[in-house]
N, C-alpha and C. Protein backbone atom coordinates (compact mmCIF):
# COMPACT_ATOMS: atom_id res chain seq x y z
N MET A 1 18.70 10.07 21.01
CA MET A 1 19.60 9.08 20.45
C MET A 1 19.22 8.80 19.00
N ALA A 2 20.20 8.76 18.13
CA ALA A 2 19.96 8.55 16.70
C ALA A 2 19.40 7.16 16.44
N LYS A 3 18.50 7.09 15.49
CA LYS A 3 17.97 5.79 15.06
C LYS A 3 19.06 5.05 14.29
N THR A 4 18.92 3.73 14.23
CA THR A 4 19.91 2.90 13.57
C THR A 4 19.26 2.04 12.48
N ALA A 5 20.03 1.79 11.43
CA ALA A 5 19.56 0.93 10.34
C ALA A 5 20.73 0.12 9.83
N VAL A 6 20.42 -1.09 9.42
CA VAL A 6 21.41 -1.97 8.80
C VAL A 6 20.94 -2.27 7.38
N VAL A 7 21.83 -2.05 6.42
CA VAL A 7 21.57 -2.43 5.02
C VAL A 7 22.41 -3.67 4.76
N VAL A 8 21.74 -4.78 4.44
CA VAL A 8 22.44 -6.05 4.24
C VAL A 8 22.70 -6.24 2.75
N LEU A 9 23.99 -6.42 2.42
CA LEU A 9 24.38 -6.61 1.02
C LEU A 9 24.86 -8.04 0.79
N ALA A 10 24.31 -8.64 -0.24
CA ALA A 10 24.78 -9.95 -0.70
C ALA A 10 25.26 -9.79 -2.13
N GLU A 11 26.19 -10.62 -2.54
CA GLU A 11 26.71 -10.53 -3.90
C GLU A 11 25.56 -10.54 -4.90
N GLY A 12 25.62 -9.57 -5.83
CA GLY A 12 24.59 -9.45 -6.86
C GLY A 12 23.47 -8.48 -6.49
N PHE A 13 23.69 -7.65 -5.46
CA PHE A 13 22.67 -6.68 -5.07
C PHE A 13 22.51 -5.60 -6.13
N GLU A 14 21.35 -4.96 -6.16
CA GLU A 14 21.06 -3.85 -7.06
C GLU A 14 21.61 -2.57 -6.44
N GLU A 15 22.52 -1.92 -7.15
CA GLU A 15 23.24 -0.75 -6.63
C GLU A 15 22.33 0.37 -6.13
N ILE A 16 21.42 0.81 -6.96
CA ILE A 16 20.56 1.95 -6.62
C ILE A 16 19.72 1.64 -5.39
N GLU A 17 19.25 0.41 -5.29
CA GLU A 17 18.38 0.02 -4.18
C GLU A 17 19.13 -0.06 -2.86
N ALA A 18 20.44 -0.15 -2.91
CA ALA A 18 21.27 -0.15 -1.70
C ALA A 18 21.76 1.25 -1.37
N VAL A 19 22.34 1.92 -2.35
CA VAL A 19 23.00 3.19 -2.10
C VAL A 19 22.00 4.32 -1.85
N ALA A 20 20.87 4.33 -2.53
CA ALA A 20 19.88 5.40 -2.29
C ALA A 20 19.42 5.42 -0.84
N PRO A 21 19.01 4.29 -0.26
CA PRO A 21 18.63 4.33 1.16
C PRO A 21 19.79 4.69 2.09
N ILE A 22 20.98 4.20 1.81
CA ILE A 22 22.14 4.55 2.64
C ILE A 22 22.32 6.07 2.64
N ASP A 23 22.35 6.66 1.47
CA ASP A 23 22.55 8.10 1.32
C ASP A 23 21.44 8.89 2.00
N VAL A 24 20.19 8.59 1.69
CA VAL A 24 19.07 9.37 2.19
C VAL A 24 18.95 9.23 3.72
N LEU A 25 19.13 8.04 4.23
CA LEU A 25 19.05 7.84 5.68
C LEU A 25 20.17 8.58 6.41
N ARG A 26 21.36 8.58 5.85
CA ARG A 26 22.46 9.32 6.48
C ARG A 26 22.19 10.82 6.45
N ARG A 27 21.57 11.32 5.39
CA ARG A 27 21.20 12.74 5.33
C ARG A 27 20.21 13.07 6.45
N ALA A 28 19.40 12.08 6.83
CA ALA A 28 18.39 12.27 7.88
C ALA A 28 18.96 12.09 9.29
N GLY A 29 20.24 11.75 9.39
CA GLY A 29 20.85 11.57 10.70
C GLY A 29 20.72 10.18 11.26
N VAL A 30 20.25 9.23 10.45
CA VAL A 30 20.15 7.84 10.89
C VAL A 30 21.54 7.21 10.81
N ARG A 31 21.93 6.47 11.83
CA ARG A 31 23.22 5.76 11.82
C ARG A 31 23.05 4.49 11.01
N VAL A 32 23.60 4.49 9.82
CA VAL A 32 23.47 3.36 8.90
C VAL A 32 24.74 2.52 8.92
N THR A 33 24.54 1.23 9.08
CA THR A 33 25.64 0.27 8.99
C THR A 33 25.41 -0.57 7.75
N ILE A 34 26.45 -0.65 6.93
CA ILE A 34 26.40 -1.52 5.75
C ILE A 34 27.01 -2.85 6.20
N ALA A 35 26.21 -3.91 6.10
CA ALA A 35 26.65 -5.23 6.54
C ALA A 35 26.75 -6.18 5.35
N GLY A 36 27.94 -6.69 5.11
CA GLY A 36 28.13 -7.68 4.05
C GLY A 36 27.69 -9.04 4.55
N LEU A 37 26.84 -9.69 3.81
CA LEU A 37 26.31 -10.99 4.23
C LEU A 37 27.42 -12.03 4.38
N CYS A 38 28.30 -12.09 3.38
CA CYS A 38 29.36 -13.12 3.40
C CYS A 38 30.77 -12.55 3.35
N ALA A 39 30.89 -11.27 3.02
CA ALA A 39 32.22 -10.65 2.88
C ALA A 39 32.08 -9.15 3.11
N LYS A 40 33.20 -8.50 3.43
CA LYS A 40 33.18 -7.05 3.63
C LYS A 40 33.22 -6.29 2.30
N ASN A 41 33.76 -6.89 1.27
CA ASN A 41 33.74 -6.31 -0.06
C ASN A 41 32.71 -7.08 -0.87
N VAL A 42 31.67 -6.37 -1.30
CA VAL A 42 30.54 -7.04 -1.94
C VAL A 42 30.36 -6.50 -3.35
N LYS A 43 30.27 -7.41 -4.31
CA LYS A 43 30.12 -7.06 -5.72
C LYS A 43 28.64 -7.00 -6.08
N SER A 44 28.23 -5.88 -6.70
CA SER A 44 26.84 -5.69 -7.10
C SER A 44 26.53 -6.44 -8.38
N SER A 45 25.28 -6.34 -8.79
CA SER A 45 24.83 -7.03 -10.00
C SER A 45 25.50 -6.50 -11.27
N ARG A 46 26.02 -5.28 -11.23
CA ARG A 46 26.68 -4.69 -12.39
C ARG A 46 28.17 -4.47 -12.17
N GLY A 47 28.73 -5.19 -11.22
CA GLY A 47 30.17 -5.17 -11.03
C GLY A 47 30.73 -4.03 -10.21
N VAL A 48 29.86 -3.28 -9.52
CA VAL A 48 30.33 -2.21 -8.64
C VAL A 48 30.61 -2.84 -7.27
N TRP A 49 31.79 -2.57 -6.75
CA TRP A 49 32.17 -3.11 -5.44
C TRP A 49 31.85 -2.10 -4.36
N VAL A 50 31.26 -2.57 -3.27
CA VAL A 50 30.97 -1.73 -2.11
C VAL A 50 31.64 -2.38 -0.91
N GLN A 51 32.35 -1.56 -0.14
CA GLN A 51 32.97 -2.07 1.07
C GLN A 51 32.01 -1.88 2.24
N ALA A 52 31.64 -2.99 2.86
CA ALA A 52 30.74 -2.95 4.01
C ALA A 52 31.48 -2.46 5.24
N ASP A 53 30.72 -1.95 6.19
CA ASP A 53 31.29 -1.52 7.46
C ASP A 53 31.68 -2.72 8.32
N GLN A 54 30.91 -3.78 8.17
CA GLN A 54 31.16 -4.98 8.96
C GLN A 54 30.47 -6.17 8.29
N LEU A 55 30.78 -7.34 8.79
CA LEU A 55 30.09 -8.55 8.34
C LEU A 55 28.73 -8.63 9.05
N PHE A 56 27.76 -9.19 8.37
CA PHE A 56 26.42 -9.34 8.95
C PHE A 56 26.49 -10.12 10.27
N GLU A 57 27.29 -11.15 10.31
CA GLU A 57 27.37 -11.99 11.51
C GLU A 57 27.90 -11.23 12.73
N GLU A 58 28.48 -10.06 12.53
CA GLU A 58 29.01 -9.26 13.63
C GLU A 58 27.95 -8.36 14.29
N ILE A 59 26.76 -8.32 13.73
CA ILE A 59 25.70 -7.50 14.31
C ILE A 59 25.29 -8.12 15.65
N LYS A 60 25.36 -7.31 16.68
CA LYS A 60 25.05 -7.80 18.03
C LYS A 60 23.63 -7.43 18.48
N ASP A 61 23.24 -6.18 18.25
CA ASP A 61 21.94 -5.70 18.72
C ASP A 61 21.00 -5.47 17.54
N LEU A 62 19.71 -5.58 17.82
CA LEU A 62 18.73 -5.31 16.77
C LEU A 62 18.71 -3.81 16.49
N PRO A 63 18.84 -3.43 15.22
CA PRO A 63 18.73 -2.01 14.86
C PRO A 63 17.26 -1.60 14.84
N ASP A 64 17.02 -0.33 14.62
CA ASP A 64 15.64 0.14 14.47
C ASP A 64 15.04 -0.31 13.14
N ALA A 65 15.91 -0.53 12.14
CA ALA A 65 15.43 -0.95 10.81
C ALA A 65 16.47 -1.81 10.12
N VAL A 66 15.99 -2.70 9.28
CA VAL A 66 16.86 -3.47 8.39
C VAL A 66 16.35 -3.23 6.98
N ILE A 67 17.28 -3.08 6.04
CA ILE A 67 16.94 -2.79 4.65
C ILE A 67 17.56 -3.85 3.77
N LEU A 68 16.72 -4.42 2.90
CA LEU A 68 17.14 -5.49 2.00
C LEU A 68 17.00 -5.04 0.56
N PRO A 69 18.12 -4.73 -0.11
CA PRO A 69 18.06 -4.40 -1.53
C PRO A 69 17.71 -5.65 -2.34
N GLY A 70 17.17 -5.42 -3.51
CA GLY A 70 16.89 -6.54 -4.40
C GLY A 70 18.04 -6.76 -5.35
N GLY A 71 17.69 -7.02 -6.58
CA GLY A 71 18.67 -7.38 -7.58
C GLY A 71 18.87 -8.88 -7.59
N LEU A 72 19.30 -9.36 -8.74
CA LEU A 72 19.57 -10.80 -8.86
C LEU A 72 21.00 -10.99 -9.30
N PRO A 73 21.69 -11.89 -8.65
CA PRO A 73 21.21 -12.87 -7.68
C PRO A 73 21.23 -12.39 -6.24
N GLY A 74 21.35 -11.08 -5.99
CA GLY A 74 21.45 -10.57 -4.63
C GLY A 74 20.32 -11.03 -3.72
N ALA A 75 19.07 -10.86 -4.17
CA ALA A 75 17.93 -11.25 -3.33
C ALA A 75 17.93 -12.75 -3.07
N THR A 76 18.28 -13.52 -4.08
CA THR A 76 18.36 -14.98 -3.90
C THR A 76 19.44 -15.33 -2.90
N ASN A 77 20.56 -14.63 -2.95
CA ASN A 77 21.64 -14.87 -2.00
C ASN A 77 21.22 -14.51 -0.58
N LEU A 78 20.49 -13.40 -0.42
CA LEU A 78 19.96 -13.05 0.90
C LEU A 78 19.03 -14.16 1.41
N ALA A 79 18.18 -14.64 0.53
CA ALA A 79 17.20 -15.67 0.90
C ALA A 79 17.86 -16.97 1.34
N GLY A 80 19.06 -17.22 0.87
CA GLY A 80 19.76 -18.46 1.20
C GLY A 80 20.46 -18.45 2.55
N SER A 81 20.36 -17.36 3.28
CA SER A 81 21.06 -17.25 4.56
C SER A 81 20.15 -17.58 5.74
N ALA A 82 20.46 -18.67 6.42
CA ALA A 82 19.69 -19.06 7.61
C ALA A 82 19.87 -18.02 8.71
N GLY A 83 21.07 -17.45 8.81
CA GLY A 83 21.32 -16.42 9.83
C GLY A 83 20.48 -15.18 9.61
N LEU A 84 20.36 -14.75 8.35
CA LEU A 84 19.53 -13.59 8.04
C LEU A 84 18.06 -13.91 8.30
N ALA A 85 17.63 -15.12 7.96
CA ALA A 85 16.24 -15.51 8.21
C ALA A 85 15.91 -15.41 9.70
N ALA A 86 16.80 -15.92 10.55
CA ALA A 86 16.57 -15.85 12.00
C ALA A 86 16.55 -14.40 12.48
N PHE A 87 17.45 -13.58 11.95
CA PHE A 87 17.52 -12.17 12.29
C PHE A 87 16.22 -11.46 11.91
N LEU A 88 15.72 -11.72 10.71
CA LEU A 88 14.49 -11.09 10.24
C LEU A 88 13.30 -11.50 11.10
N LYS A 89 13.26 -12.74 11.51
CA LYS A 89 12.18 -13.20 12.38
C LYS A 89 12.24 -12.48 13.73
N LYS A 90 13.45 -12.28 14.25
CA LYS A 90 13.60 -11.52 15.51
C LYS A 90 13.16 -10.07 15.32
N MET A 91 13.58 -9.47 14.22
CA MET A 91 13.19 -8.09 13.93
C MET A 91 11.66 -7.98 13.86
N ASN A 92 11.05 -8.90 13.15
CA ASN A 92 9.60 -8.87 12.98
C ASN A 92 8.90 -9.08 14.32
N GLY A 93 9.39 -10.04 15.11
CA GLY A 93 8.80 -10.30 16.42
C GLY A 93 8.90 -9.11 17.36
N ALA A 94 9.95 -8.32 17.19
CA ALA A 94 10.16 -7.13 18.02
C ALA A 94 9.45 -5.90 17.46
N GLY A 95 8.78 -6.06 16.31
CA GLY A 95 8.07 -4.94 15.70
C GLY A 95 8.99 -3.90 15.08
N LYS A 96 10.22 -4.29 14.81
CA LYS A 96 11.19 -3.38 14.19
C LYS A 96 10.88 -3.23 12.70
N LEU A 97 11.32 -2.13 12.12
CA LEU A 97 11.05 -1.85 10.71
C LEU A 97 11.86 -2.77 9.81
N ILE A 98 11.18 -3.40 8.88
CA ILE A 98 11.80 -4.25 7.87
C ILE A 98 11.43 -3.66 6.52
N ALA A 99 12.45 -3.28 5.73
CA ALA A 99 12.22 -2.65 4.43
C ALA A 99 12.90 -3.49 3.36
N ALA A 100 12.14 -3.83 2.32
CA ALA A 100 12.67 -4.66 1.24
C ALA A 100 12.16 -4.13 -0.09
N ILE A 101 13.02 -4.20 -1.10
CA ILE A 101 12.70 -3.62 -2.41
C ILE A 101 13.00 -4.61 -3.52
N CYS A 102 12.29 -4.47 -4.62
CA CYS A 102 12.51 -5.23 -5.85
C CYS A 102 12.15 -6.71 -5.63
N ALA A 103 13.11 -7.60 -5.83
CA ALA A 103 12.86 -9.03 -5.66
C ALA A 103 12.89 -9.45 -4.20
N ALA A 104 13.46 -8.63 -3.31
CA ALA A 104 13.65 -9.02 -1.91
C ALA A 104 12.34 -9.31 -1.15
N PRO A 105 11.27 -8.53 -1.34
CA PRO A 105 10.05 -8.90 -0.60
C PRO A 105 9.59 -10.33 -0.92
N ALA A 106 9.63 -10.68 -2.20
CA ALA A 106 9.16 -12.01 -2.62
C ALA A 106 10.17 -13.11 -2.31
N ALA A 107 11.44 -12.84 -2.57
CA ALA A 107 12.46 -13.87 -2.40
C ALA A 107 12.85 -14.10 -0.95
N VAL A 108 12.87 -13.02 -0.16
CA VAL A 108 13.38 -13.12 1.21
C VAL A 108 12.25 -13.14 2.25
N LEU A 109 11.35 -12.18 2.19
CA LEU A 109 10.33 -12.07 3.23
C LEU A 109 9.17 -13.05 3.09
N ALA A 110 8.69 -13.25 1.86
CA ALA A 110 7.53 -14.12 1.66
C ALA A 110 7.75 -15.55 2.18
N PRO A 111 8.88 -16.19 1.88
CA PRO A 111 9.07 -17.56 2.37
C PRO A 111 9.10 -17.67 3.90
N LEU A 112 9.41 -16.57 4.58
CA LEU A 112 9.47 -16.58 6.05
C LEU A 112 8.10 -16.31 6.68
N GLY A 113 7.09 -16.02 5.84
CA GLY A 113 5.76 -15.73 6.35
C GLY A 113 5.60 -14.30 6.86
N ILE A 114 6.63 -13.49 6.69
CA ILE A 114 6.60 -12.11 7.20
C ILE A 114 5.57 -11.26 6.48
N LEU A 115 5.25 -11.61 5.22
CA LEU A 115 4.27 -10.83 4.46
C LEU A 115 2.84 -11.34 4.63
N ASP A 116 2.66 -12.46 5.33
CA ASP A 116 1.31 -13.01 5.49
C ASP A 116 0.40 -12.02 6.21
N GLY A 117 -0.75 -11.78 5.61
CA GLY A 117 -1.71 -10.86 6.17
C GLY A 117 -1.37 -9.40 5.94
N LYS A 118 -0.35 -9.15 5.16
CA LYS A 118 0.11 -7.78 4.90
C LYS A 118 -0.10 -7.41 3.43
N LYS A 119 -0.18 -6.10 3.21
CA LYS A 119 -0.18 -5.55 1.86
C LYS A 119 1.27 -5.27 1.50
N ALA A 120 1.71 -5.69 0.32
CA ALA A 120 3.11 -5.53 -0.08
C ALA A 120 3.22 -5.40 -1.59
N THR A 121 4.36 -4.89 -2.01
CA THR A 121 4.67 -4.79 -3.44
C THR A 121 6.06 -5.36 -3.68
N CYS A 122 6.40 -5.51 -4.95
CA CYS A 122 7.70 -6.05 -5.33
C CYS A 122 7.90 -5.79 -6.82
N TYR A 123 9.03 -6.25 -7.34
CA TYR A 123 9.29 -6.11 -8.77
C TYR A 123 8.22 -6.87 -9.56
N PRO A 124 7.71 -6.28 -10.64
CA PRO A 124 6.65 -6.95 -11.42
C PRO A 124 7.05 -8.37 -11.84
N GLY A 125 6.18 -9.29 -11.53
CA GLY A 125 6.39 -10.71 -11.85
C GLY A 125 6.83 -11.51 -10.64
N CYS A 126 7.51 -10.87 -9.69
CA CYS A 126 7.97 -11.56 -8.48
C CYS A 126 6.83 -11.88 -7.53
N GLU A 127 5.69 -11.20 -7.68
CA GLU A 127 4.57 -11.42 -6.77
C GLU A 127 4.03 -12.85 -6.86
N THR A 128 4.42 -13.58 -7.89
CA THR A 128 4.00 -14.99 -7.98
C THR A 128 4.59 -15.80 -6.82
N ASP A 129 5.62 -15.27 -6.17
CA ASP A 129 6.21 -15.93 -5.01
C ASP A 129 5.54 -15.54 -3.70
N PHE A 130 4.60 -14.59 -3.73
CA PHE A 130 3.84 -14.24 -2.54
C PHE A 130 2.87 -15.37 -2.24
N SER A 131 2.60 -15.61 -0.96
CA SER A 131 1.58 -16.59 -0.62
C SER A 131 0.20 -15.97 -0.85
N SER A 132 -0.81 -16.80 -0.81
CA SER A 132 -2.17 -16.30 -0.98
C SER A 132 -2.58 -15.42 0.19
N LYS A 133 -1.79 -15.41 1.26
CA LYS A 133 -2.08 -14.61 2.45
C LYS A 133 -1.54 -13.18 2.34
N THR A 134 -0.79 -12.89 1.26
CA THR A 134 -0.24 -11.54 1.05
C THR A 134 -1.12 -10.78 0.07
N ILE A 135 -1.40 -9.54 0.39
CA ILE A 135 -2.20 -8.69 -0.49
C ILE A 135 -1.23 -7.93 -1.39
N HIS A 136 -1.21 -8.30 -2.67
CA HIS A 136 -0.27 -7.69 -3.61
C HIS A 136 -0.79 -6.33 -4.06
N SER A 137 0.11 -5.36 -4.11
CA SER A 137 -0.20 -4.01 -4.58
C SER A 137 0.77 -3.63 -5.69
N LYS A 138 0.31 -2.81 -6.61
CA LYS A 138 1.18 -2.29 -7.67
C LYS A 138 1.67 -0.87 -7.35
N GLU A 139 1.45 -0.41 -6.13
CA GLU A 139 1.94 0.90 -5.71
C GLU A 139 3.46 0.89 -5.69
N SER A 140 4.06 2.06 -5.85
CA SER A 140 5.52 2.17 -5.85
C SER A 140 6.14 1.78 -4.52
N VAL A 141 5.52 2.25 -3.44
CA VAL A 141 5.98 1.97 -2.08
C VAL A 141 4.76 1.64 -1.24
N VAL A 142 4.86 0.58 -0.45
CA VAL A 142 3.75 0.18 0.41
C VAL A 142 4.25 0.07 1.84
N LYS A 143 3.54 0.71 2.76
CA LYS A 143 3.83 0.61 4.20
C LYS A 143 2.67 -0.13 4.83
N ASP A 144 2.94 -1.21 5.54
CA ASP A 144 1.91 -1.94 6.27
C ASP A 144 2.52 -2.43 7.57
N GLY A 145 2.07 -1.86 8.66
CA GLY A 145 2.63 -2.23 9.96
C GLY A 145 4.11 -1.87 10.02
N ASN A 146 4.93 -2.84 10.36
CA ASN A 146 6.37 -2.60 10.46
C ASN A 146 7.12 -2.90 9.16
N LEU A 147 6.38 -3.05 8.06
CA LEU A 147 7.00 -3.39 6.78
C LEU A 147 6.88 -2.26 5.77
N VAL A 148 7.97 -2.04 5.04
CA VAL A 148 7.97 -1.13 3.89
C VAL A 148 8.50 -1.94 2.72
N THR A 149 7.73 -1.99 1.64
CA THR A 149 8.17 -2.69 0.43
C THR A 149 8.09 -1.74 -0.75
N SER A 150 8.89 -2.04 -1.78
CA SER A 150 8.92 -1.17 -2.95
C SER A 150 9.22 -2.00 -4.19
N ARG A 151 8.99 -1.40 -5.36
CA ARG A 151 9.00 -2.15 -6.61
C ARG A 151 10.36 -2.35 -7.26
N GLY A 152 11.25 -1.35 -7.25
CA GLY A 152 12.51 -1.56 -7.95
C GLY A 152 13.37 -0.32 -8.06
N PRO A 153 14.38 -0.34 -8.92
CA PRO A 153 15.35 0.75 -9.00
C PRO A 153 14.73 2.14 -9.13
N GLY A 154 13.72 2.28 -9.94
CA GLY A 154 13.09 3.58 -10.17
C GLY A 154 12.31 4.10 -8.98
N THR A 155 12.05 3.25 -8.00
CA THR A 155 11.31 3.67 -6.80
C THR A 155 12.21 3.77 -5.58
N ALA A 156 13.52 3.66 -5.77
CA ALA A 156 14.46 3.61 -4.64
C ALA A 156 14.45 4.88 -3.79
N LEU A 157 14.33 6.05 -4.39
CA LEU A 157 14.29 7.28 -3.60
C LEU A 157 13.00 7.38 -2.79
N GLU A 158 11.87 7.04 -3.38
CA GLU A 158 10.60 7.04 -2.64
C GLU A 158 10.66 6.04 -1.49
N PHE A 159 11.24 4.88 -1.75
CA PHE A 159 11.44 3.84 -0.74
C PHE A 159 12.28 4.41 0.42
N ALA A 160 13.39 5.03 0.08
CA ALA A 160 14.28 5.59 1.10
C ALA A 160 13.58 6.68 1.90
N LEU A 161 12.82 7.53 1.25
CA LEU A 161 12.11 8.61 1.95
C LEU A 161 11.03 8.06 2.88
N GLU A 162 10.40 6.96 2.50
CA GLU A 162 9.41 6.34 3.39
C GLU A 162 10.09 5.77 4.63
N ILE A 163 11.27 5.20 4.47
CA ILE A 163 12.02 4.69 5.62
C ILE A 163 12.41 5.87 6.52
N VAL A 164 12.83 6.98 5.93
CA VAL A 164 13.14 8.18 6.71
C VAL A 164 11.91 8.64 7.47
N ARG A 165 10.77 8.66 6.80
CA ARG A 165 9.52 9.08 7.46
C ARG A 165 9.26 8.23 8.69
N GLU A 166 9.50 6.93 8.58
CA GLU A 166 9.27 6.02 9.70
C GLU A 166 10.28 6.23 10.83
N LEU A 167 11.53 6.49 10.50
CA LEU A 167 12.58 6.58 11.51
C LEU A 167 12.83 8.00 12.04
N ALA A 168 12.66 8.99 11.17
CA ALA A 168 13.02 10.36 11.55
C ALA A 168 11.86 11.34 11.46
N GLY A 169 10.70 10.87 11.02
CA GLY A 169 9.51 11.71 10.98
C GLY A 169 9.18 12.29 9.62
N ALA A 170 7.92 12.67 9.47
CA ALA A 170 7.42 13.21 8.21
C ALA A 170 8.08 14.54 7.84
N GLU A 171 8.37 15.34 8.85
CA GLU A 171 9.00 16.64 8.57
C GLU A 171 10.37 16.45 7.93
N MET A 172 11.17 15.55 8.49
CA MET A 172 12.50 15.28 7.93
C MET A 172 12.37 14.72 6.51
N ALA A 173 11.44 13.80 6.31
CA ALA A 173 11.25 13.23 4.98
C ALA A 173 10.86 14.32 3.98
N GLY A 174 9.98 15.22 4.39
CA GLY A 174 9.56 16.32 3.52
C GLY A 174 10.70 17.28 3.21
N THR A 175 11.51 17.58 4.21
CA THR A 175 12.67 18.46 4.01
C THR A 175 13.64 17.84 3.02
N LEU A 176 13.92 16.56 3.20
CA LEU A 176 14.85 15.89 2.27
C LEU A 176 14.27 15.80 0.86
N ARG A 177 12.97 15.50 0.77
CA ARG A 177 12.31 15.45 -0.55
C ARG A 177 12.51 16.78 -1.27
N GLU A 178 12.30 17.88 -0.55
CA GLU A 178 12.43 19.21 -1.14
C GLU A 178 13.88 19.51 -1.52
N LYS A 179 14.81 19.28 -0.57
CA LYS A 179 16.21 19.59 -0.83
C LYS A 179 16.82 18.71 -1.92
N MET A 180 16.34 17.50 -2.04
CA MET A 180 16.88 16.57 -3.04
C MET A 180 16.15 16.69 -4.38
N LEU A 181 15.14 17.56 -4.43
CA LEU A 181 14.36 17.79 -5.65
C LEU A 181 13.59 16.54 -6.12
N VAL A 182 13.11 15.76 -5.15
CA VAL A 182 12.33 14.57 -5.47
C VAL A 182 10.89 15.02 -5.68
N LYS A 183 10.36 14.76 -6.85
CA LYS A 183 9.00 15.16 -7.19
C LYS A 183 8.00 14.17 -6.60
N VAL A 184 6.86 14.72 -6.19
CA VAL A 184 5.81 13.88 -5.60
C VAL A 184 5.11 13.11 -6.68
């Protein structure tokens, strides 16, 4: 059975951080659902419109992974959703993969305590929102337990490939890295 992932988009999301994981995960055979937090048509931080497959509130079952793009005010908009907060806590409690990039680790995950006791990264400067219980890293992509975090637009492909590695295996991630000409 194919693995499943939900990419949650809020108005003001960073385009590359959303579309790169969607593309790479679909290449890996992961069933990706694009969920609009408040609307099915979601405007990015640079005015690109993306049509979601469904509204976030329509998600019934926990997927294998949830992906949170950053961007501003996208990450702030994600952080303002009580429904998403409850969903993320359920995902974390179930040990499901939670992946966040750019401002999202600091804006969305840190306030929920999901990063406590974990090593994580984020967009430079956003780490000031991490609690003292989070181990900040300057690595491009950090995997710790059920969490994958990444720094920003330039690390979006590495972020996506790490999510593929977790959901579809190292061999698939390596094959895609090679076919997509992603340098190590």
